[in-house]
Full PDB file with SEQRES, HELIX, SHEET, SSBOND, CRYST1, ORIGX, SCALE, CONECT and MASTER records, all heavy atoms in Angstrom:
SEQRES   1 A   42  GLU LEU THR GLN MET ASN LEU GLN SER ILE VAL LEU LEU          
SEQRES   2 A   42  GLN ASP ILE ARG HIS GLU TYR GLN SER GLN THR LEU PRO          
SEQRES   3 A   42  VAL ILE ILE SER GLY CYS LEU GLY PRO ARG ASP ASP GLY          
SEQRES   4 A   42  TYR HIS PRO                                                  
HELIX    1 AA1 LEU A    2  TYR A   20  1                                  19    
CRYST1    1.000    1.000    1.000  90.00  90.00  90.00 P 1           1          
ORIGX1      1.000000  0.000000  0.000000        0.00000                         
ORIGX2      0.000000  1.000000  0.000000        0.00000                         
ORIGX3      0.000000  0.000000  1.000000        0.00000                         
SCALE1      1.000000  0.000000  0.000000        0.00000                         
SCALE2      0.000000  1.000000  0.000000        0.00000                         
SCALE3      0.000000  0.000000  1.000000        0.00000                         
ATOM      1  N   GLU A   1       0.827  -1.194   0.001  1.00  0.00           N  
ATOM      2  CA  GLU A   1       0.003  -0.009  -0.002  1.00  0.00           C  
ATOM      3  C   GLU A   1       0.863   1.247   0.003  1.00  0.00           C  
ATOM      4  O   GLU A   1       0.517   2.263  -0.632  1.00  0.00           O  
ATOM      5  CB  GLU A   1      -0.938  -0.018   1.203  1.00  0.00           C  
ATOM      6  CG  GLU A   1      -2.036  -1.069   1.089  1.00  0.00           C  
ATOM      7  CD  GLU A   1      -2.778  -1.272   2.405  1.00  0.00           C  
ATOM      8  OE1 GLU A   1      -2.195  -1.019   3.484  1.00  0.00           O  
ATOM      9  OE2 GLU A   1      -3.947  -1.701   2.346  1.00  0.00           O  
ATOM     10  N   LEU A   2       1.974   1.208   0.713  1.00  0.00           N  
ATOM     11  CA  LEU A   2       2.897   2.344   0.721  1.00  0.00           C  
ATOM     12  C   LEU A   2       3.464   2.583  -0.684  1.00  0.00           C  
ATOM     13  O   LEU A   2       3.586   3.722  -1.134  1.00  0.00           O  
ATOM     14  CB  LEU A   2       4.055   2.104   1.689  1.00  0.00           C  
ATOM     15  CG  LEU A   2       3.831   2.478   3.153  1.00  0.00           C  
ATOM     16  CD1 LEU A   2       5.072   2.158   3.961  1.00  0.00           C  
ATOM     17  CD2 LEU A   2       3.481   3.956   3.292  1.00  0.00           C  
ATOM     18  N   THR A   3       3.827   1.515  -1.338  1.00  0.00           N  
ATOM     19  CA  THR A   3       4.338   1.631  -2.717  1.00  0.00           C  
ATOM     20  C   THR A   3       3.302   2.310  -3.592  1.00  0.00           C  
ATOM     21  O   THR A   3       3.627   3.204  -4.398  1.00  0.00           O  
ATOM     22  CB  THR A   3       4.690   0.249  -3.283  1.00  0.00           C  
ATOM     23  OG1 THR A   3       5.816  -0.284  -2.549  1.00  0.00           O  
ATOM     24  CG2 THR A   3       5.044   0.331  -4.753  1.00  0.00           C  
ATOM     25  N   GLN A   4       2.048   1.921  -3.444  1.00  0.00           N  
ATOM     26  CA  GLN A   4       0.988   2.533  -4.241  1.00  0.00           C  
ATOM     27  C   GLN A   4       0.836   4.015  -3.929  1.00  0.00           C  
ATOM     28  O   GLN A   4       0.624   4.844  -4.825  1.00  0.00           O  
ATOM     29  CB  GLN A   4      -0.343   1.817  -3.995  1.00  0.00           C  
ATOM     30  CG  GLN A   4      -1.508   2.328  -4.841  1.00  0.00           C  
ATOM     31  CD  GLN A   4      -1.208   2.249  -6.328  1.00  0.00           C  
ATOM     32  OE1 GLN A   4      -0.614   1.287  -6.799  1.00  0.00           O  
ATOM     33  NE2 GLN A   4      -1.628   3.237  -7.084  1.00  0.00           N  
ATOM     34  N   MET A   5       0.956   4.396  -2.669  1.00  0.00           N  
ATOM     35  CA  MET A   5       0.874   5.807  -2.287  1.00  0.00           C  
ATOM     36  C   MET A   5       2.019   6.608  -2.885  1.00  0.00           C  
ATOM     37  O   MET A   5       1.839   7.735  -3.364  1.00  0.00           O  
ATOM     38  CB  MET A   5       0.879   5.944  -0.767  1.00  0.00           C  
ATOM     39  CG  MET A   5      -0.389   5.484  -0.061  1.00  0.00           C  
ATOM     40  SD  MET A   5      -1.846   6.507  -0.439  1.00  0.00           S  
ATOM     41  CE  MET A   5      -2.646   5.483  -1.668  1.00  0.00           C  
ATOM     42  N   ASN A   6       3.226   6.041  -2.858  1.00  0.00           N  
ATOM     43  CA  ASN A   6       4.360   6.724  -3.447  1.00  0.00           C  
ATOM     44  C   ASN A   6       4.195   6.905  -4.955  1.00  0.00           C  
ATOM     45  O   ASN A   6       4.476   7.969  -5.505  1.00  0.00           O  
ATOM     46  CB  ASN A   6       5.654   5.977  -3.136  1.00  0.00           C  
ATOM     47  CG  ASN A   6       6.146   6.229  -1.719  1.00  0.00           C  
ATOM     48  OD1 ASN A   6       6.560   7.345  -1.396  1.00  0.00           O  
ATOM     49  ND2 ASN A   6       6.114   5.223  -0.871  1.00  0.00           N  
ATOM     50  N   LEU A   7       3.707   5.854  -5.614  1.00  0.00           N  
ATOM     51  CA  LEU A   7       3.440   5.960  -7.042  1.00  0.00           C  
ATOM     52  C   LEU A   7       2.371   7.005  -7.330  1.00  0.00           C  
ATOM     53  O   LEU A   7       2.492   7.828  -8.248  1.00  0.00           O  
ATOM     54  CB  LEU A   7       2.991   4.605  -7.585  1.00  0.00           C  
ATOM     55  CG  LEU A   7       4.043   3.487  -7.629  1.00  0.00           C  
ATOM     56  CD1 LEU A   7       3.365   2.154  -7.979  1.00  0.00           C  
ATOM     57  CD2 LEU A   7       5.133   3.808  -8.649  1.00  0.00           C  
ATOM     58  N   GLN A   8       1.328   6.989  -6.550  1.00  0.00           N  
ATOM     59  CA  GLN A   8       0.204   7.913  -6.759  1.00  0.00           C  
ATOM     60  C   GLN A   8       0.623   9.361  -6.550  1.00  0.00           C  
ATOM     61  O   GLN A   8       0.141  10.271  -7.232  1.00  0.00           O  
ATOM     62  CB  GLN A   8      -0.947   7.549  -5.811  1.00  0.00           C  
ATOM     63  CG  GLN A   8      -2.261   8.242  -6.124  1.00  0.00           C  
ATOM     64  CD  GLN A   8      -3.385   7.673  -5.284  1.00  0.00           C  
ATOM     65  OE1 GLN A   8      -3.310   6.557  -4.766  1.00  0.00           O  
ATOM     66  NE2 GLN A   8      -4.436   8.459  -5.145  1.00  0.00           N  
ATOM     67  N   SER A   9       1.527   9.577  -5.596  1.00  0.00           N  
ATOM     68  CA  SER A   9       1.986  10.933  -5.345  1.00  0.00           C  
ATOM     69  C   SER A   9       2.697  11.523  -6.562  1.00  0.00           C  
ATOM     70  O   SER A   9       2.563  12.715  -6.861  1.00  0.00           O  
ATOM     71  CB  SER A   9       2.934  10.949  -4.135  1.00  0.00           C  
ATOM     72  OG  SER A   9       4.206  10.405  -4.445  1.00  0.00           O  
ATOM     73  N   ILE A  10       3.440  10.691  -7.267  1.00  0.00           N  
ATOM     74  CA  ILE A  10       4.160  11.169  -8.445  1.00  0.00           C  
ATOM     75  C   ILE A  10       3.196  11.423  -9.607  1.00  0.00           C  
ATOM     76  O   ILE A  10       3.350  12.390 -10.374  1.00  0.00           O  
ATOM     77  CB  ILE A  10       5.258  10.178  -8.857  1.00  0.00           C  
ATOM     78  CG1 ILE A  10       6.240   9.973  -7.696  1.00  0.00           C  
ATOM     79  CG2 ILE A  10       5.990  10.666 -10.109  1.00  0.00           C  
ATOM     80  CD1 ILE A  10       6.888  11.241  -7.185  1.00  0.00           C  
ATOM     81  N   VAL A  11       2.187  10.576  -9.746  1.00  0.00           N  
ATOM     82  CA  VAL A  11       1.174  10.792 -10.780  1.00  0.00           C  
ATOM     83  C   VAL A  11       0.500  12.142 -10.589  1.00  0.00           C  
ATOM     84  O   VAL A  11       0.257  12.896 -11.556  1.00  0.00           O  
ATOM     85  CB  VAL A  11       0.135   9.660 -10.770  1.00  0.00           C  
ATOM     86  CG1 VAL A  11      -1.038   9.978 -11.696  1.00  0.00           C  
ATOM     87  CG2 VAL A  11       0.775   8.327 -11.187  1.00  0.00           C  
ATOM     88  N   LEU A  12       0.199  12.479  -9.345  1.00  0.00           N  
ATOM     89  CA  LEU A  12      -0.413  13.776  -9.038  1.00  0.00           C  
ATOM     90  C   LEU A  12       0.472  14.923  -9.533  1.00  0.00           C  
ATOM     91  O   LEU A  12       0.007  15.875 -10.188  1.00  0.00           O  
ATOM     92  CB  LEU A  12      -0.644  13.901  -7.536  1.00  0.00           C  
ATOM     93  CG  LEU A  12      -1.075  15.278  -7.022  1.00  0.00           C  
ATOM     94  CD1 LEU A  12      -2.493  15.596  -7.481  1.00  0.00           C  
ATOM     95  CD2 LEU A  12      -1.013  15.331  -5.493  1.00  0.00           C  
ATOM     96  N   LEU A  13       1.760  14.829  -9.228  1.00  0.00           N  
ATOM     97  CA  LEU A  13       2.692  15.902  -9.618  1.00  0.00           C  
ATOM     98  C   LEU A  13       2.901  15.922 -11.125  1.00  0.00           C  
ATOM     99  O   LEU A  13       3.087  16.998 -11.717  1.00  0.00           O  
ATOM    100  CB  LEU A  13       4.018  15.731  -8.883  1.00  0.00           C  
ATOM    101  CG  LEU A  13       3.951  15.774  -7.362  1.00  0.00           C  
ATOM    102  CD1 LEU A  13       5.355  15.712  -6.766  1.00  0.00           C  
ATOM    103  CD2 LEU A  13       3.224  17.021  -6.875  1.00  0.00           C  
ATOM    104  N   GLN A  14       2.890  14.772 -11.762  1.00  0.00           N  
ATOM    105  CA  GLN A  14       3.027  14.726 -13.218  1.00  0.00           C  
ATOM    106  C   GLN A  14       1.862  15.418 -13.904  1.00  0.00           C  
ATOM    107  O   GLN A  14       2.030  16.097 -14.923  1.00  0.00           O  
ATOM    108  CB  GLN A  14       3.167  13.283 -13.690  1.00  0.00           C  
ATOM    109  CG  GLN A  14       4.506  12.660 -13.334  1.00  0.00           C  
ATOM    110  CD  GLN A  14       4.565  11.167 -13.582  1.00  0.00           C  
ATOM    111  OE1 GLN A  14       3.525  10.499 -13.641  1.00  0.00           O  
ATOM    112  NE2 GLN A  14       5.757  10.614 -13.683  1.00  0.00           N  
ATOM    113  N   ASP A  15       0.669  15.265 -13.347  1.00  0.00           N  
ATOM    114  CA  ASP A  15      -0.506  15.955 -13.898  1.00  0.00           C  
ATOM    115  C   ASP A  15      -0.341  17.465 -13.790  1.00  0.00           C  
ATOM    116  O   ASP A  15      -0.690  18.210 -14.725  1.00  0.00           O  
ATOM    117  CB  ASP A  15      -1.766  15.517 -13.155  1.00  0.00           C  
ATOM    118  CG  ASP A  15      -2.201  14.099 -13.523  1.00  0.00           C  
ATOM    119  OD1 ASP A  15      -1.721  13.568 -14.542  1.00  0.00           O  
ATOM    120  OD2 ASP A  15      -3.016  13.525 -12.762  1.00  0.00           O  
ATOM    121  N   ILE A  16       0.179  17.914 -12.657  1.00  0.00           N  
ATOM    122  CA  ILE A  16       0.390  19.358 -12.477  1.00  0.00           C  
ATOM    123  C   ILE A  16       1.466  19.863 -13.423  1.00  0.00           C  
ATOM    124  O   ILE A  16       1.354  20.939 -14.008  1.00  0.00           O  
ATOM    125  CB  ILE A  16       0.757  19.655 -11.001  1.00  0.00           C  
ATOM    126  CG1 ILE A  16      -0.418  19.292 -10.090  1.00  0.00           C  
ATOM    127  CG2 ILE A  16       1.149  21.127 -10.822  1.00  0.00           C  
ATOM    128  CD1 ILE A  16      -0.122  19.349  -8.603  1.00  0.00           C  
ATOM    129  N   ARG A  17       2.536  19.077 -13.595  1.00  0.00           N  
ATOM    130  CA  ARG A  17       3.581  19.471 -14.540  1.00  0.00           C  
ATOM    131  C   ARG A  17       3.000  19.617 -15.954  1.00  0.00           C  
ATOM    132  O   ARG A  17       3.336  20.586 -16.655  1.00  0.00           O  
ATOM    133  CB  ARG A  17       4.715  18.455 -14.552  1.00  0.00           C  
ATOM    134  CG  ARG A  17       5.736  18.752 -15.664  1.00  0.00           C  
ATOM    135  CD  ARG A  17       7.071  18.113 -15.443  1.00  0.00           C  
ATOM    136  NE  ARG A  17       7.019  16.665 -15.476  1.00  0.00           N  
ATOM    137  CZ  ARG A  17       8.099  15.898 -15.244  1.00  0.00           C  
ATOM    138  NH1 ARG A  17       9.264  16.443 -14.929  1.00  0.00           N  
ATOM    139  NH2 ARG A  17       7.989  14.582 -15.277  1.00  0.00           N  
ATOM    140  N   HIS A  18       2.170  18.686 -16.356  1.00  0.00           N  
ATOM    141  CA  HIS A  18       1.567  18.757 -17.682  1.00  0.00           C  
ATOM    142  C   HIS A  18       0.787  20.058 -17.865  1.00  0.00           C  
ATOM    143  O   HIS A  18       0.760  20.639 -18.962  1.00  0.00           O  
ATOM    144  CB  HIS A  18       0.648  17.549 -17.899  1.00  0.00           C  
ATOM    145  CG  HIS A  18      -0.003  17.527 -19.237  1.00  0.00           C  
ATOM    146  ND1 HIS A  18       0.664  17.213 -20.409  1.00  0.00           N  
ATOM    147  CD2 HIS A  18      -1.285  17.807 -19.608  1.00  0.00           C  
ATOM    148  CE1 HIS A  18      -0.173  17.286 -21.427  1.00  0.00           C  
ATOM    149  NE2 HIS A  18      -1.363  17.648 -20.983  1.00  0.00           N  
ATOM    150  N   GLU A  19       0.183  20.530 -16.791  1.00  0.00           N  
ATOM    151  CA  GLU A  19      -0.622  21.751 -16.857  1.00  0.00           C  
ATOM    152  C   GLU A  19       0.233  23.006 -16.916  1.00  0.00           C  
ATOM    153  O   GLU A  19      -0.132  23.990 -17.585  1.00  0.00           O  
ATOM    154  CB  GLU A  19      -1.541  21.801 -15.627  1.00  0.00           C  
ATOM    155  CG  GLU A  19      -2.438  23.029 -15.568  1.00  0.00           C  
ATOM    156  CD  GLU A  19      -3.353  23.015 -14.343  1.00  0.00           C  
ATOM    157  OE1 GLU A  19      -3.431  21.977 -13.663  1.00  0.00           O  
ATOM    158  OE2 GLU A  19      -3.979  24.065 -14.089  1.00  0.00           O  
ATOM    159  N   TYR A  20       1.378  23.016 -16.245  1.00  0.00           N  
ATOM    160  CA  TYR A  20       2.136  24.257 -16.060  1.00  0.00           C  
ATOM    161  C   TYR A  20       3.420  24.359 -16.880  1.00  0.00           C  
ATOM    162  O   TYR A  20       3.874  25.463 -17.177  1.00  0.00           O  
ATOM    163  CB  TYR A  20       2.503  24.424 -14.576  1.00  0.00           C  
ATOM    164  CG  TYR A  20       1.382  24.928 -13.724  1.00  0.00           C  
ATOM    165  CD1 TYR A  20       0.505  24.038 -13.103  1.00  0.00           C  
ATOM    166  CD2 TYR A  20       1.158  26.295 -13.529  1.00  0.00           C  
ATOM    167  CE1 TYR A  20      -0.537  24.492 -12.306  1.00  0.00           C  
ATOM    168  CE2 TYR A  20       0.133  26.760 -12.748  1.00  0.00           C  
ATOM    169  CZ  TYR A  20      -0.731  25.845 -12.125  1.00  0.00           C  
ATOM    170  OH  TYR A  20      -1.755  26.307 -11.352  1.00  0.00           O  
ATOM    171  N   GLN A  21       4.047  23.255 -17.217  1.00  0.00           N  
ATOM    172  CA  GLN A  21       5.392  23.334 -17.778  1.00  0.00           C  
ATOM    173  C   GLN A  21       5.414  24.027 -19.144  1.00  0.00           C  
ATOM    174  O   GLN A  21       4.541  23.809 -19.962  1.00  0.00           O  
ATOM    175  CB  GLN A  21       6.000  21.947 -17.893  1.00  0.00           C  
ATOM    176  CG  GLN A  21       7.446  21.960 -18.421  1.00  0.00           C  
ATOM    177  CD  GLN A  21       8.174  20.677 -18.123  1.00  0.00           C  
ATOM    178  OE1 GLN A  21       8.927  20.617 -17.170  1.00  0.00           O  
ATOM    179  NE2 GLN A  21       7.929  19.637 -18.919  1.00  0.00           N  
ATOM    180  N   SER A  22       6.437  24.857 -19.338  1.00  0.00           N  
ATOM    181  CA  SER A  22       6.662  25.527 -20.609  1.00  0.00           C  
ATOM    182  C   SER A  22       8.164  25.756 -20.742  1.00  0.00           C  
ATOM    183  O   SER A  22       8.945  25.415 -19.856  1.00  0.00           O  
ATOM    184  CB  SER A  22       5.913  26.863 -20.652  1.00  0.00           C  
ATOM    185  OG  SER A  22       6.468  27.769 -19.711  1.00  0.00           O  
ATOM    186  N   GLN A  23       8.579  26.369 -21.846  1.00  0.00           N  
ATOM    187  CA  GLN A  23       9.998  26.646 -22.047  1.00  0.00           C  
ATOM    188  C   GLN A  23      10.531  27.603 -20.997  1.00  0.00           C  
ATOM    189  O   GLN A  23      11.707  27.551 -20.642  1.00  0.00           O  
ATOM    190  CB  GLN A  23      10.225  27.215 -23.453  1.00  0.00           C  
ATOM    191  CG  GLN A  23      10.044  26.197 -24.561  1.00  0.00           C  
ATOM    192  CD  GLN A  23      10.423  26.748 -25.913  1.00  0.00           C  
ATOM    193  OE1 GLN A  23      10.459  27.958 -26.103  1.00  0.00           O  
ATOM    194  NE2 GLN A  23      10.720  25.866 -26.849  1.00  0.00           N  
ATOM    195  N   THR A  24       9.683  28.471 -20.505  1.00  0.00           N  
ATOM    196  CA  THR A  24      10.124  29.437 -19.489  1.00  0.00           C  
ATOM    197  C   THR A  24       9.811  29.002 -18.070  1.00  0.00           C  
ATOM    198  O   THR A  24      10.200  29.668 -17.123  1.00  0.00           O  
ATOM    199  CB  THR A  24       9.469  30.814 -19.756  1.00  0.00           C  
ATOM    200  OG1 THR A  24       8.033  30.657 -19.745  1.00  0.00           O  
ATOM    201  CG2 THR A  24       9.916  31.382 -21.081  1.00  0.00           C  
ATOM    202  N   LEU A  25       9.085  27.885 -17.924  1.00  0.00           N  
ATOM    203  CA  LEU A  25       8.730  27.401 -16.602  1.00  0.00           C  
ATOM    204  C   LEU A  25       9.016  25.896 -16.526  1.00  0.00           C  
ATOM    205  O   LEU A  25       8.110  25.074 -16.652  1.00  0.00           O  
ATOM    206  CB  LEU A  25       7.268  27.680 -16.288  1.00  0.00           C  
ATOM    207  CG  LEU A  25       6.833  27.714 -14.802  1.00  0.00           C  
ATOM    208  CD1 LEU A  25       5.457  28.320 -14.666  1.00  0.00           C  
ATOM    209  CD2 LEU A  25       6.850  26.328 -14.162  1.00  0.00           C  
ATOM    210  N   PRO A  26      10.281  25.536 -16.322  1.00  0.00           N  
ATOM    211  CA  PRO A  26      10.590  24.118 -16.163  1.00  0.00           C  
ATOM    212  C   PRO A  26      10.047  23.581 -14.847  1.00  0.00           C  
ATOM    213  O   PRO A  26      10.081  24.262 -13.817  1.00  0.00           O  
ATOM    214  CB  PRO A  26      12.129  24.084 -16.179  1.00  0.00           C  
ATOM    215  CG  PRO A  26      12.537  25.450 -15.740  1.00  0.00           C  
ATOM    216  CD  PRO A  26      11.465  26.378 -16.247  1.00  0.00           C  
ATOM    217  N   VAL A  27       9.528  22.367 -14.876  1.00  0.00           N  
ATOM    218  CA  VAL A  27       8.981  21.725 -13.678  1.00  0.00           C  
ATOM    219  C   VAL A  27       9.707  20.401 -13.473  1.00  0.00           C  
ATOM    220  O   VAL A  27       9.694  19.525 -14.335  1.00  0.00           O  
ATOM    221  CB  VAL A  27       7.472  21.474 -13.821  1.00  0.00           C  
ATOM    222  CG1 VAL A  27       6.935  20.763 -12.566  1.00  0.00           C  
ATOM    223  CG2 VAL A  27       6.723  22.785 -14.045  1.00  0.00           C  
ATOM    224  N   ILE A  28      10.352  20.279 -12.321  1.00  0.00           N  
ATOM    225  CA  ILE A  28      11.077  19.071 -11.947  1.00  0.00           C  
ATOM    226  C   ILE A  28      10.310  18.359 -10.843  1.00  0.00           C  
ATOM    227  O   ILE A  28       9.806  19.007  -9.914  1.00  0.00           O  
ATOM    228  CB  ILE A  28      12.503  19.417 -11.463  1.00  0.00           C  
ATOM    229  CG1 ILE A  28      13.297  20.076 -12.573  1.00  0.00           C  
ATOM    230  CG2 ILE A  28      13.225  18.167 -10.950  1.00  0.00           C  
ATOM    231  CD1 ILE A  28      14.606  20.687 -12.114  1.00  0.00           C  
ATOM    232  N   ILE A  29      10.195  17.050 -10.943  1.00  0.00           N  
ATOM    233  CA  ILE A  29       9.465  16.279  -9.942  1.00  0.00           C  
ATOM    234  C   ILE A  29      10.440  15.487  -9.085  1.00  0.00           C  
ATOM    235  O   ILE A  29      11.273  14.736  -9.595  1.00  0.00           O  
ATOM    236  CB  ILE A  29       8.454  15.327 -10.615  1.00  0.00           C  
ATOM    237  CG1 ILE A  29       7.380  16.156 -11.336  1.00  0.00           C  
ATOM    238  CG2 ILE A  29       7.808  14.407  -9.564  1.00  0.00           C  
ATOM    239  CD1 ILE A  29       6.389  15.316 -12.113  1.00  0.00           C  
ATOM    240  N   SER A  30      10.331  15.691  -7.780  1.00  0.00           N  
ATOM    241  CA  SER A  30      11.217  15.022  -6.824  1.00  0.00           C  
ATOM    242  C   SER A  30      10.412  14.120  -5.910  1.00  0.00           C  
ATOM    243  O   SER A  30       9.361  14.514  -5.386  1.00  0.00           O  
ATOM    244  CB  SER A  30      11.972  16.066  -5.996  1.00  0.00           C  
ATOM    245  OG  SER A  30      12.689  15.444  -4.942  1.00  0.00           O  
ATOM    246  N   GLY A  31      10.900  12.905  -5.708  1.00  0.00           N  
ATOM    247  CA  GLY A  31      10.304  12.008  -4.730  1.00  0.00           C  
ATOM    248  C   GLY A  31      10.917  12.260  -3.359  1.00  0.00           C  
ATOM    249  O   GLY A  31      12.137  12.117  -3.186  1.00  0.00           O  
ATOM    250  N   CYS A  32      10.114  12.650  -2.405  1.00  0.00           N  
ATOM    251  CA  CYS A  32      10.607  13.055  -1.097  1.00  0.00           C  
ATOM    252  C   CYS A  32      10.735  11.859  -0.157  1.00  0.00           C  
ATOM    253  O   CYS A  32       9.785  11.104   0.045  1.00  0.00           O  
ATOM    254  CB  CYS A  32       9.677  14.101  -0.492  1.00  0.00           C  
ATOM    255  SG  CYS A  32      10.234  14.716   1.121  1.00  0.00           S  
ATOM    256  N   LEU A  33      11.919  11.734   0.434  1.00  0.00           N  
ATOM    257  CA  LEU A  33      12.184  10.733   1.472  1.00  0.00           C  
ATOM    258  C   LEU A  33      12.361  11.456   2.798  1.00  0.00           C  
ATOM    259  O   LEU A  33      12.970  12.514   2.866  1.00  0.00           O  
ATOM    260  CB  LEU A  33      13.456   9.962   1.185  1.00  0.00           C  
ATOM    261  CG  LEU A  33      13.622   9.250  -0.169  1.00  0.00           C  
ATOM    262  CD1 LEU A  33      15.024   8.703  -0.291  1.00  0.00           C  
ATOM    263  CD2 LEU A  33      12.609   8.148  -0.294  1.00  0.00           C  
ATOM    264  N   GLY A  34      11.852  10.850   3.870  1.00  0.00           N  
ATOM    265  CA  GLY A  34      12.090  11.383   5.198  1.00  0.00           C  
ATOM    266  C   GLY A  34      12.918  10.403   6.010  1.00  0.00           C  
ATOM    267  O   GLY A  34      13.174   9.267   5.581  1.00  0.00           O  
ATOM    268  N   PRO A  35      13.376  10.814   7.176  1.00  0.00           N  
ATOM    269  CA  PRO A  35      14.186   9.917   8.001  1.00  0.00           C  
ATOM    270  C   PRO A  35      13.350   8.774   8.573  1.00  0.00           C  
ATOM    271  O   PRO A  35      12.136   8.898   8.723  1.00  0.00           O  
ATOM    272  CB  PRO A  35      14.677  10.849   9.125  1.00  0.00           C  
ATOM    273  CG  PRO A  35      13.608  11.888   9.227  1.00  0.00           C  
ATOM    274  CD  PRO A  35      13.111  12.114   7.811  1.00  0.00           C  
ATOM    275  N   ARG A  36      14.022   7.685   8.874  1.00  0.00           N  
ATOM    276  CA  ARG A  36      13.326   6.557   9.477  1.00  0.00           C  
ATOM    277  C   ARG A  36      12.836   6.912  10.885  1.00  0.00           C  
ATOM    278  O   ARG A  36      11.728   6.526  11.282  1.00  0.00           O  
ATOM    279  CB  ARG A  36      14.256   5.344   9.552  1.00  0.00           C  
ATOM    280  CG  ARG A  36      13.594   4.125  10.174  1.00  0.00           C  
ATOM    281  CD  ARG A  36      14.516   2.921  10.165  1.00  0.00           C  
ATOM    282  NE  ARG A  36      13.799   1.718  10.610  1.00  0.00           N  
ATOM    283  CZ  ARG A  36      14.331   0.494  10.599  1.00  0.00           C  
ATOM    284  NH1 ARG A  36      15.582   0.316  10.182  1.00  0.00           N  
ATOM    285  NH2 ARG A  36      13.609  -0.538  11.005  1.00  0.00           N  
ATOM    286  N   ASP A  37      13.648   7.648  11.609  1.00  0.00           N  
ATOM    287  CA  ASP A  37      13.318   7.989  12.990  1.00  0.00           C  
ATOM    288  C   ASP A  37      12.846   9.430  13.049  1.00  0.00           C  
ATOM    289  O   ASP A  37      12.580  10.059  12.027  1.00  0.00           O  
ATOM    290  CB  ASP A  37      14.547   7.751  13.883  1.00  0.00           C  
ATOM    291  CG  ASP A  37      14.190   7.401  15.320  1.00  0.00           C  
ATOM    292  OD1 ASP A  37      13.122   7.822  15.793  1.00  0.00           O  
ATOM    293  OD2 ASP A  37      14.972   6.682  15.966  1.00  0.00           O  
ATOM    294  N   ASP A  38      12.773   9.978  14.239  1.00  0.00           N  
ATOM    295  CA  ASP A  38      12.356  11.356  14.443  1.00  0.00           C  
ATOM    296  C   ASP A  38      13.328  12.310  13.757  1.00  0.00           C  
ATOM    297  O   ASP A  38      14.539  12.123  13.829  1.00  0.00           O  
ATOM    298  CB  ASP A  38      12.301  11.663  15.950  1.00  0.00           C  
ATOM    299  CG  ASP A  38      11.718  13.020  16.244  1.00  0.00           C  
ATOM    300  OD1 ASP A  38      10.487  13.130  16.406  1.00  0.00           O  
ATOM    301  OD2 ASP A  38      12.500  13.994  16.297  1.00  0.00           O  
ATOM    302  N   GLY A  39      12.789  13.338  13.115  1.00  0.00           N  
ATOM    303  CA  GLY A  39      13.623  14.277  12.381  1.00  0.00           C  
ATOM    304  C   GLY A  39      14.364  15.269  13.252  1.00  0.00           C  
ATOM    305  O   GLY A  39      15.220  15.996  12.757  1.00  0.00           O  
ATOM    306  N   TYR A  40      14.038  15.320  14.522  1.00  0.00           N  
ATOM    307  CA  TYR A  40      14.724  16.216  15.442  1.00  0.00           C  
ATOM    308  C   TYR A  40      15.617  15.458  16.411  1.00  0.00           C  
ATOM    309  O   TYR A  40      16.754  15.875  16.682  1.00  0.00           O  
ATOM    310  CB  TYR A  40      13.713  17.040  16.252  1.00  0.00           C  
ATOM    311  CG  TYR A  40      12.929  18.068  15.483  1.00  0.00           C  
ATOM    312  CD1 TYR A  40      11.794  18.643  16.013  1.00  0.00           C  
ATOM    313  CD2 TYR A  40      13.332  18.475  14.187  1.00  0.00           C  
ATOM    314  CE1 TYR A  40      11.067  19.614  15.309  1.00  0.00           C  
ATOM    315  CE2 TYR A  40      12.619  19.426  13.487  1.00  0.00           C  
ATOM    316  CZ  TYR A  40      11.486  19.988  14.063  1.00  0.00           C  
ATOM    317  OH  TYR A  40      10.775  20.944  13.370  1.00  0.00           O  
ATOM    318  N   HIS A  41      15.097  14.365  16.950  1.00  0.00           N  
ATOM    319  CA  HIS A  41      15.813  13.648  17.988  1.00  0.00           C  
ATOM    320  C   HIS A  41      15.798  12.141  17.694  1.00  0.00           C  
ATOM    321  O   HIS A  41      15.004  11.392  18.275  1.00  0.00           O  
ATOM    322  CB  HIS A  41      15.195  13.903  19.373  1.00  0.00           C  
ATOM    323  CG  HIS A  41      15.072  15.356  19.702  1.00  0.00           C  
ATOM    324  ND1 HIS A  41      16.142  16.151  19.964  1.00  0.00           N  
ATOM    325  CD2 HIS A  41      13.966  16.157  19.789  1.00  0.00           C  
ATOM    326  CE1 HIS A  41      15.726  17.387  20.212  1.00  0.00           C  
ATOM    327  NE2 HIS A  41      14.412  17.420  20.104  1.00  0.00           N  
ATOM    328  N   PRO A  42      16.653  11.674  16.798  1.00  0.00           N  
ATOM    329  CA  PRO A  42      16.667  10.243  16.472  1.00  0.00           C  
ATOM    330  C   PRO A  42      17.074   9.402  17.672  1.00  0.00           C  
ATOM    331  O   PRO A  42      18.065   9.700  18.333  1.00  0.00           O  
ATOM    332  CB  PRO A  42      17.696  10.145  15.350  1.00  0.00           C  
ATOM    333  CG  PRO A  42      18.596  11.317  15.564  1.00  0.00           C  
ATOM    334  CD  PRO A  42      17.702  12.413  16.083  1.00  0.00           C  
TER     335      PRO A  42                                                      
MASTER        0    0    0    1    0    0    0    6  334    1    0    4          
END                                                                             
């Protein structure tokens, strides 16, 4: 299910890129990873 959520998140951003991207407005899509533990106090 997590894999599906990660895939779906990119599809969402790809749809937005299709709407906005132009020669003067490049759109790059990044897959965001977070830390395994707490981001402040691992």
